N, C-alpha and C. Protein backbone atom coordinates (compact mmCIF):
# COMPACT_ATOMS: atom_id res chain seq x y z
N MET A 1 -68.14 25.12 10.13
CA MET A 1 -69.62 25.60 10.20
C MET A 1 -70.35 24.93 8.95
N SER A 2 -71.36 24.63 9.19
CA SER A 2 -72.29 24.02 7.91
C SER A 2 -72.92 25.16 7.21
N SER A 3 -73.26 24.92 6.07
CA SER A 3 -73.83 26.00 5.22
C SER A 3 -75.35 25.87 5.50
N PRO A 4 -75.95 27.01 5.38
CA PRO A 4 -77.35 27.04 5.78
C PRO A 4 -78.20 26.04 4.70
N LEU A 5 -79.31 25.47 5.36
CA LEU A 5 -80.06 24.38 4.49
C LEU A 5 -81.17 25.26 3.94
N LYS A 6 -81.70 24.79 2.85
CA LYS A 6 -82.76 25.59 1.97
C LYS A 6 -83.75 24.35 2.22
N LEU A 7 -85.12 25.10 2.49
CA LEU A 7 -86.04 24.13 2.48
C LEU A 7 -87.26 24.66 1.56
N LYS A 8 -87.69 23.82 0.58
CA LYS A 8 -88.84 24.29 -0.34
C LYS A 8 -90.09 23.91 0.41
N ILE A 9 -90.68 24.83 0.51
CA ILE A 9 -92.30 24.66 1.34
C ILE A 9 -93.38 25.18 0.53
N ARG A 10 -94.41 24.45 0.37
CA ARG A 10 -95.72 25.01 -0.35
C ARG A 10 -96.60 25.43 0.93
N VAL A 11 -96.90 26.60 1.04
CA VAL A 11 -97.73 27.09 2.08
C VAL A 11 -99.11 27.20 1.73
N ILE A 12 -100.10 26.65 2.50
CA ILE A 12 -101.51 26.90 2.50
C ILE A 12 -102.03 27.54 3.61
N PRO A 13 -102.39 28.77 3.34
CA PRO A 13 -102.96 29.76 4.52
C PRO A 13 -104.31 29.19 4.82
N ASN A 14 -104.70 29.95 5.83
CA ASN A 14 -106.12 29.86 6.43
C ASN A 14 -106.63 28.43 6.67
N ALA A 15 -105.60 27.59 7.31
CA ALA A 15 -105.98 25.96 7.54
C ALA A 15 -106.54 26.10 9.19
N LYS A 16 -107.15 25.20 9.46
CA LYS A 16 -107.70 25.02 10.75
C LYS A 16 -106.48 25.00 11.87
N LYS A 17 -105.47 24.24 11.58
CA LYS A 17 -104.40 24.46 12.47
C LYS A 17 -103.07 24.50 11.66
N THR A 18 -101.91 24.86 12.40
CA THR A 18 -100.61 24.92 11.71
C THR A 18 -99.97 23.67 11.78
N ALA A 19 -99.54 23.06 10.78
CA ALA A 19 -98.85 21.72 10.82
C ALA A 19 -98.30 21.48 9.42
N PHE A 20 -97.29 20.55 9.42
CA PHE A 20 -96.75 20.00 8.02
C PHE A 20 -97.63 19.06 7.77
N ASN A 21 -98.00 18.79 6.38
CA ASN A 21 -98.98 17.89 5.85
C ASN A 21 -98.52 17.27 4.64
N GLY A 22 -97.54 16.65 4.85
CA GLY A 22 -96.84 15.74 3.85
C GLY A 22 -95.96 16.29 2.87
N ARG A 23 -95.79 15.84 1.74
CA ARG A 23 -95.05 16.33 0.72
C ARG A 23 -95.71 16.31 -0.61
N ARG A 24 -95.49 17.32 -1.36
CA ARG A 24 -96.05 17.29 -2.76
C ARG A 24 -94.66 17.71 -3.79
N GLU A 25 -94.56 16.80 -4.73
CA GLU A 25 -93.53 16.89 -5.42
C GLU A 25 -92.28 17.07 -4.70
N ASP A 26 -91.44 18.16 -4.83
CA ASP A 26 -90.14 18.16 -4.00
C ASP A 26 -90.41 19.29 -2.85
N GLU A 27 -91.49 19.53 -2.53
CA GLU A 27 -91.82 20.58 -1.59
C GLU A 27 -92.39 19.94 -0.29
N LEU A 28 -92.24 20.49 0.99
CA LEU A 28 -93.01 20.06 2.23
C LEU A 28 -94.32 20.80 2.08
N VAL A 29 -95.48 20.36 2.49
CA VAL A 29 -96.60 21.07 2.44
C VAL A 29 -96.81 21.72 3.99
N LEU A 30 -97.06 22.88 4.01
CA LEU A 30 -97.26 23.54 5.43
C LEU A 30 -98.58 24.19 5.29
N ARG A 31 -99.64 23.74 6.29
CA ARG A 31 -100.87 24.33 6.28
C ARG A 31 -100.61 25.34 7.55
N LEU A 32 -101.21 26.48 7.26
CA LEU A 32 -100.91 27.68 8.25
C LEU A 32 -102.31 28.10 8.71
N ASN A 33 -102.37 28.30 10.02
CA ASN A 33 -103.67 28.82 10.66
C ASN A 33 -103.30 30.40 10.70
N ALA A 34 -103.20 30.95 9.56
CA ALA A 34 -102.92 32.43 9.34
C ALA A 34 -103.42 32.80 7.95
N PRO A 35 -103.97 34.18 7.96
CA PRO A 35 -104.17 34.57 6.64
C PRO A 35 -102.84 34.99 5.65
N ALA A 36 -103.14 35.06 4.41
CA ALA A 36 -102.20 35.40 3.54
C ALA A 36 -102.25 36.83 3.37
N LEU A 37 -102.21 37.56 4.39
CA LEU A 37 -102.30 39.15 4.23
C LEU A 37 -101.23 39.90 5.01
N GLU A 38 -100.75 40.89 4.43
CA GLU A 38 -99.79 41.66 5.09
C GLU A 38 -98.57 40.86 5.71
N GLY A 39 -98.16 39.88 5.13
CA GLY A 39 -96.97 39.03 5.58
C GLY A 39 -97.39 38.13 6.71
N LYS A 40 -98.50 37.97 7.18
CA LYS A 40 -98.69 37.25 8.54
C LYS A 40 -98.59 35.70 8.23
N ALA A 41 -98.90 35.38 7.03
CA ALA A 41 -98.58 34.01 6.63
C ALA A 41 -97.03 33.61 6.79
N ASN A 42 -96.24 34.49 6.19
CA ASN A 42 -94.78 34.34 6.28
C ASN A 42 -94.27 34.41 7.69
N LYS A 43 -94.76 35.30 8.40
CA LYS A 43 -94.32 35.47 9.94
C LYS A 43 -94.64 34.08 10.60
N ALA A 44 -95.99 33.70 10.46
CA ALA A 44 -96.35 32.53 11.18
C ALA A 44 -95.58 31.23 10.68
N ALA A 45 -95.25 31.28 9.25
CA ALA A 45 -94.38 30.10 8.93
C ALA A 45 -92.99 30.05 9.60
N ILE A 46 -92.41 31.11 9.55
CA ILE A 46 -91.05 31.48 10.34
C ILE A 46 -91.17 30.87 11.77
N GLU A 47 -92.17 31.33 12.32
CA GLU A 47 -92.49 30.93 13.82
C GLU A 47 -92.47 29.39 13.89
N PHE A 48 -93.31 28.96 13.15
CA PHE A 48 -93.64 27.42 13.13
C PHE A 48 -92.46 26.62 12.80
N ILE A 49 -91.57 26.99 11.77
CA ILE A 49 -90.49 26.27 11.44
C ILE A 49 -89.34 26.35 12.53
N SER A 50 -89.29 27.57 13.07
CA SER A 50 -88.08 27.61 13.99
C SER A 50 -88.53 26.74 15.24
N GLY A 51 -89.77 26.67 15.67
CA GLY A 51 -90.27 25.91 16.86
C GLY A 51 -90.22 24.55 16.35
N TYR A 52 -90.68 24.11 15.26
CA TYR A 52 -90.57 22.54 14.82
C TYR A 52 -88.94 22.06 14.61
N PHE A 53 -88.22 22.89 14.22
CA PHE A 53 -86.75 22.24 14.09
C PHE A 53 -85.90 22.71 15.28
N ASP A 54 -86.50 23.38 16.17
CA ASP A 54 -85.87 23.92 17.57
C ASP A 54 -84.56 24.65 17.21
N VAL A 55 -84.74 25.70 16.49
CA VAL A 55 -83.75 26.64 16.15
C VAL A 55 -84.24 27.98 16.57
N PRO A 56 -83.56 28.96 16.62
CA PRO A 56 -83.82 30.11 16.96
C PRO A 56 -84.59 31.05 15.78
N ARG A 57 -85.51 31.79 16.14
CA ARG A 57 -86.31 32.41 15.14
C ARG A 57 -85.37 33.14 14.00
N SER A 58 -84.27 33.63 14.59
CA SER A 58 -83.43 34.43 13.84
C SER A 58 -82.60 33.72 12.73
N ALA A 59 -82.64 32.23 13.09
CA ALA A 59 -81.81 31.35 12.07
C ALA A 59 -82.68 30.90 10.89
N VAL A 60 -84.00 31.38 10.91
CA VAL A 60 -85.01 31.01 9.87
C VAL A 60 -85.12 32.27 8.94
N SER A 61 -85.13 32.23 7.66
CA SER A 61 -85.36 33.31 7.07
C SER A 61 -85.92 32.80 5.61
N LEU A 62 -86.92 33.78 5.03
CA LEU A 62 -87.68 33.41 3.71
C LEU A 62 -86.61 34.10 2.59
N VAL A 63 -86.17 33.12 1.75
CA VAL A 63 -85.26 33.72 0.81
C VAL A 63 -86.01 33.84 -0.50
N SER A 64 -87.00 33.23 -0.71
CA SER A 64 -87.75 33.30 -2.09
C SER A 64 -89.11 32.88 -1.77
N GLY A 65 -90.11 33.60 -2.65
CA GLY A 65 -91.45 33.34 -2.54
C GLY A 65 -92.39 34.22 -1.69
N GLU A 66 -91.92 35.34 -1.43
CA GLU A 66 -92.67 36.13 -0.31
C GLU A 66 -94.13 36.25 -0.72
N LYS A 67 -94.45 36.45 -1.99
CA LYS A 67 -95.91 36.52 -2.27
C LYS A 67 -96.57 35.34 -3.08
N SER A 68 -95.85 34.04 -2.92
CA SER A 68 -96.09 32.91 -3.60
C SER A 68 -96.56 31.95 -2.64
N ARG A 69 -97.25 30.82 -2.99
CA ARG A 69 -97.36 29.67 -2.11
C ARG A 69 -96.11 28.89 -2.11
N HIS A 70 -95.38 28.93 -3.30
CA HIS A 70 -94.10 28.08 -3.13
C HIS A 70 -92.93 29.10 -2.59
N LYS A 71 -92.47 28.46 -1.55
CA LYS A 71 -91.45 29.51 -0.69
C LYS A 71 -90.24 28.50 -0.58
N ILE A 72 -89.03 29.38 -0.36
CA ILE A 72 -87.87 28.68 -0.03
C ILE A 72 -87.33 29.32 1.41
N PHE A 73 -87.28 28.66 2.56
CA PHE A 73 -86.86 28.99 3.73
C PHE A 73 -85.29 28.61 3.88
N GLN A 74 -84.49 29.44 4.38
CA GLN A 74 -83.06 29.21 4.81
C GLN A 74 -83.03 28.83 6.21
N ILE A 75 -82.49 27.77 6.65
CA ILE A 75 -82.43 27.42 8.09
C ILE A 75 -80.65 27.48 8.37
N VAL A 76 -80.35 28.43 9.19
CA VAL A 76 -78.95 28.49 9.57
C VAL A 76 -78.53 27.61 10.95
N GLY A 77 -77.69 26.70 10.98
CA GLY A 77 -77.33 25.86 12.03
C GLY A 77 -78.00 24.58 12.23
N LEU A 78 -78.77 24.14 11.29
CA LEU A 78 -79.42 22.95 11.19
C LEU A 78 -78.81 22.07 10.19
N LYS A 79 -78.29 20.85 10.68
CA LYS A 79 -77.85 19.94 9.69
C LYS A 79 -78.84 19.01 8.97
N ASN A 80 -78.37 18.66 7.69
CA ASN A 80 -79.57 17.93 6.93
C ASN A 80 -79.87 16.58 7.76
N SER A 81 -79.03 16.04 8.49
CA SER A 81 -79.42 14.79 9.16
C SER A 81 -80.41 15.14 10.19
N ASP A 82 -80.19 16.38 10.81
CA ASP A 82 -81.16 16.69 11.97
C ASP A 82 -82.56 17.05 11.23
N LEU A 83 -82.54 17.66 10.23
CA LEU A 83 -83.71 18.13 9.49
C LEU A 83 -84.44 16.73 8.97
N GLU A 84 -83.88 15.81 8.48
CA GLU A 84 -84.42 14.34 8.14
C GLU A 84 -84.99 13.69 9.33
N ARG A 85 -84.21 13.85 10.51
CA ARG A 85 -84.68 13.04 11.62
C ARG A 85 -85.90 13.80 12.20
N LYS A 86 -85.89 14.94 12.28
CA LYS A 86 -87.10 15.62 13.04
C LYS A 86 -88.37 15.30 11.94
N LEU A 87 -88.18 15.41 10.66
CA LEU A 87 -89.25 15.15 9.69
C LEU A 87 -89.90 13.64 9.92
N ALA A 88 -88.77 12.86 10.01
CA ALA A 88 -89.18 11.34 10.26
C ALA A 88 -89.86 11.13 11.49
N GLU A 89 -89.27 11.76 12.55
CA GLU A 89 -90.07 11.58 13.97
C GLU A 89 -91.60 11.92 13.95
N LYS A 90 -91.83 12.89 13.18
CA LYS A 90 -93.34 13.42 13.22
C LYS A 90 -93.97 12.91 11.94
N GLU A 91 -93.31 12.11 11.09
CA GLU A 91 -93.85 11.52 9.98
C GLU A 91 -94.40 12.57 9.00
N VAL A 92 -93.63 13.27 8.43
CA VAL A 92 -94.18 14.26 7.58
C VAL A 92 -94.04 13.65 6.10
C-alpha cells in the first residue's frame, strides 16, 4: 500500500468558479467559489480535490492550515504518478 500523498495548496476563496489556477512557488493555487466562512472553503476544497483526482471524499483530508490560505491536504490511495498525470492532463 502506498503512503498518503501530501499536497500543498494555496486557497483563494470567493472566486467566480472553482478550479486549479496554476502554481505559485511550491503550492498549487486553488480558486474556490466558496466563502472563507465557518469551514465552507475547506469543505469545498475537499469536495473539489476528491472529484478532480477521482478519489472518494473520505480519502481527502486537511492536515494543516485550517484557518490559513496555505493548506496541506492528504490524499490516500493516489499515486504520485497519477497525481502528476491528472495535473498535466488539465495543464495546471
